[in-house]
Amino acid sequence: MAIRISDQIRAKLAAEHDVGVPEVEQCFANRTGHLLIDTREEHATDPPTRWFIAPTNKGRLLKVCYVPRGDYFIRTCYEPNEAELAIYRRHGKPHDF
């Protein structure tokens, strides 16, 4: 499956989160934990949005949110806050953070 990022999301990632496409791709390649599903009503999609936290090749941790529709359609990607890290440590079971 391919990673798909619309021009609008690509611009948002760069402007609001200082995240580039290569970093998103690296997170997919470096993911070691489980995928989690965003169950919040205000973020509901069909199919449900998946998310994970993984490091880039330079060690920057990013939360990647996407919708699987044949390919991976990126919704957002940014540095996770402490609450998101705690949730992922508890339920995603990553190895090194």
Protein backbone atom coordinates (compact mmCIF):
# COMPACT_ATOMS: atom_id res chain seq x y z
CA MET A 1 0.00 0.00 0.00
CA ALA A 2 1.17 3.50 -0.79
CA ILE A 3 1.26 6.51 1.51
CA ARG A 4 -1.01 9.24 0.11
CA ILE A 5 -0.79 12.86 1.29
CA SER A 6 -3.00 15.51 -0.28
CA ASP A 7 -1.50 18.89 -1.15
CA GLN A 8 -3.61 20.48 1.61
CA ILE A 9 -2.37 18.05 4.27
CA ARG A 10 1.21 18.31 2.99
CA ALA A 11 1.05 22.11 3.41
CA LYS A 12 -0.49 21.78 6.90
CA LEU A 13 2.20 19.34 8.02
CA ALA A 14 4.94 21.69 6.86
CA ALA A 15 3.41 24.92 8.18
CA GLU A 16 1.88 23.80 11.47
CA HIS A 17 4.05 20.85 12.50
CA ASP A 18 7.34 21.24 10.59
CA VAL A 19 6.94 17.68 9.29
CA GLY A 20 8.05 16.63 5.82
CA VAL A 21 6.89 13.72 3.69
CA PRO A 22 10.17 11.79 4.16
CA GLU A 23 9.61 11.86 7.94
CA VAL A 24 6.11 10.39 7.54
CA GLU A 25 7.53 7.63 5.34
CA GLN A 26 10.31 6.93 7.85
CA CYS A 27 7.77 6.54 10.67
CA PHE A 28 5.91 3.89 8.67
CA ALA A 29 9.20 2.07 8.04
CA ASN A 30 10.30 2.38 11.69
CA ARG A 31 7.02 1.44 13.43
CA THR A 32 7.40 -1.36 15.96
CA GLY A 33 4.22 -1.00 18.05
CA HIS A 34 0.61 -1.81 17.32
CA LEU A 35 -1.83 0.36 15.42
CA LEU A 36 -4.46 2.08 17.54
CA ILE A 37 -7.90 3.27 16.43
CA ASP A 38 -9.10 6.82 17.09
CA THR A 39 -12.52 6.32 18.69
CA ARG A 40 -13.25 9.98 19.41
CA GLU A 41 -16.55 11.06 17.85
CA GLU A 42 -15.15 14.30 16.41
CA HIS A 43 -12.50 12.31 14.53
CA ALA A 44 -14.81 9.59 13.19
CA THR A 45 -14.07 8.33 9.67
CA ASP A 46 -15.16 5.33 7.65
CA PRO A 47 -13.06 3.23 7.91
CA PRO A 48 -11.82 4.40 11.34
CA THR A 49 -8.65 6.47 11.60
CA ARG A 50 -5.59 4.47 12.69
CA TRP A 51 -2.62 5.97 14.49
CA PHE A 52 0.79 5.07 15.85
CA ILE A 53 3.89 6.75 17.23
CA ALA A 54 7.27 5.98 15.72
CA PRO A 55 10.67 7.62 15.34
CA THR A 56 12.07 9.15 12.19
CA ASN A 57 15.54 8.07 11.11
CA LYS A 58 16.92 10.97 13.20
CA GLY A 59 15.01 9.84 16.30
CA ARG A 60 12.21 12.42 16.22
CA LEU A 61 9.02 10.84 17.59
CA LEU A 62 5.90 11.53 15.52
CA LYS A 63 2.27 10.57 15.86
CA VAL A 64 0.98 9.47 12.44
CA CYS A 65 -2.80 9.40 11.82
CA TYR A 66 -4.18 7.88 8.64
CA VAL A 67 -7.24 6.28 7.06
CA PRO A 68 -6.68 2.94 5.30
CA ARG A 69 -8.59 2.95 2.01
CA GLY A 70 -6.56 0.62 -0.14
CA ASP A 71 -3.63 2.99 0.45
CA TYR A 72 -2.68 4.93 3.59
CA PHE A 73 -4.34 8.35 3.42
CA ILE A 74 -2.57 10.63 5.89
CA ARG A 75 -4.77 12.83 8.05
CA THR A 76 -2.02 14.40 10.17
CA CYS A 77 1.43 13.84 11.62
CA TYR A 78 3.02 15.74 14.52
CA GLU A 79 5.10 15.41 17.67
CA PRO A 80 2.95 13.65 20.28
CA ASN A 81 2.11 15.20 23.63
CA GLU A 82 2.66 13.40 26.94
CA ALA A 83 -0.92 12.06 27.09
CA GLU A 84 -0.61 10.54 23.60
CA LEU A 85 2.76 9.01 24.50
CA ALA A 86 1.27 7.48 27.66
CA ILE A 87 -1.65 5.99 25.71
CA TYR A 88 0.69 4.53 23.12
CA ARG A 89 3.08 3.15 25.74
CA ARG A 90 0.15 1.45 27.44
CA HIS A 91 -1.70 0.12 24.36
CA GLY A 92 0.71 0.29 21.42
CA LYS A 93 3.60 -1.42 23.21
CA PRO A 94 6.48 0.23 21.35
CA HIS A 95 9.96 -0.99 22.08
CA ASP A 96 12.20 2.00 22.73
CA PHE A 97 10.31 5.05 24.02
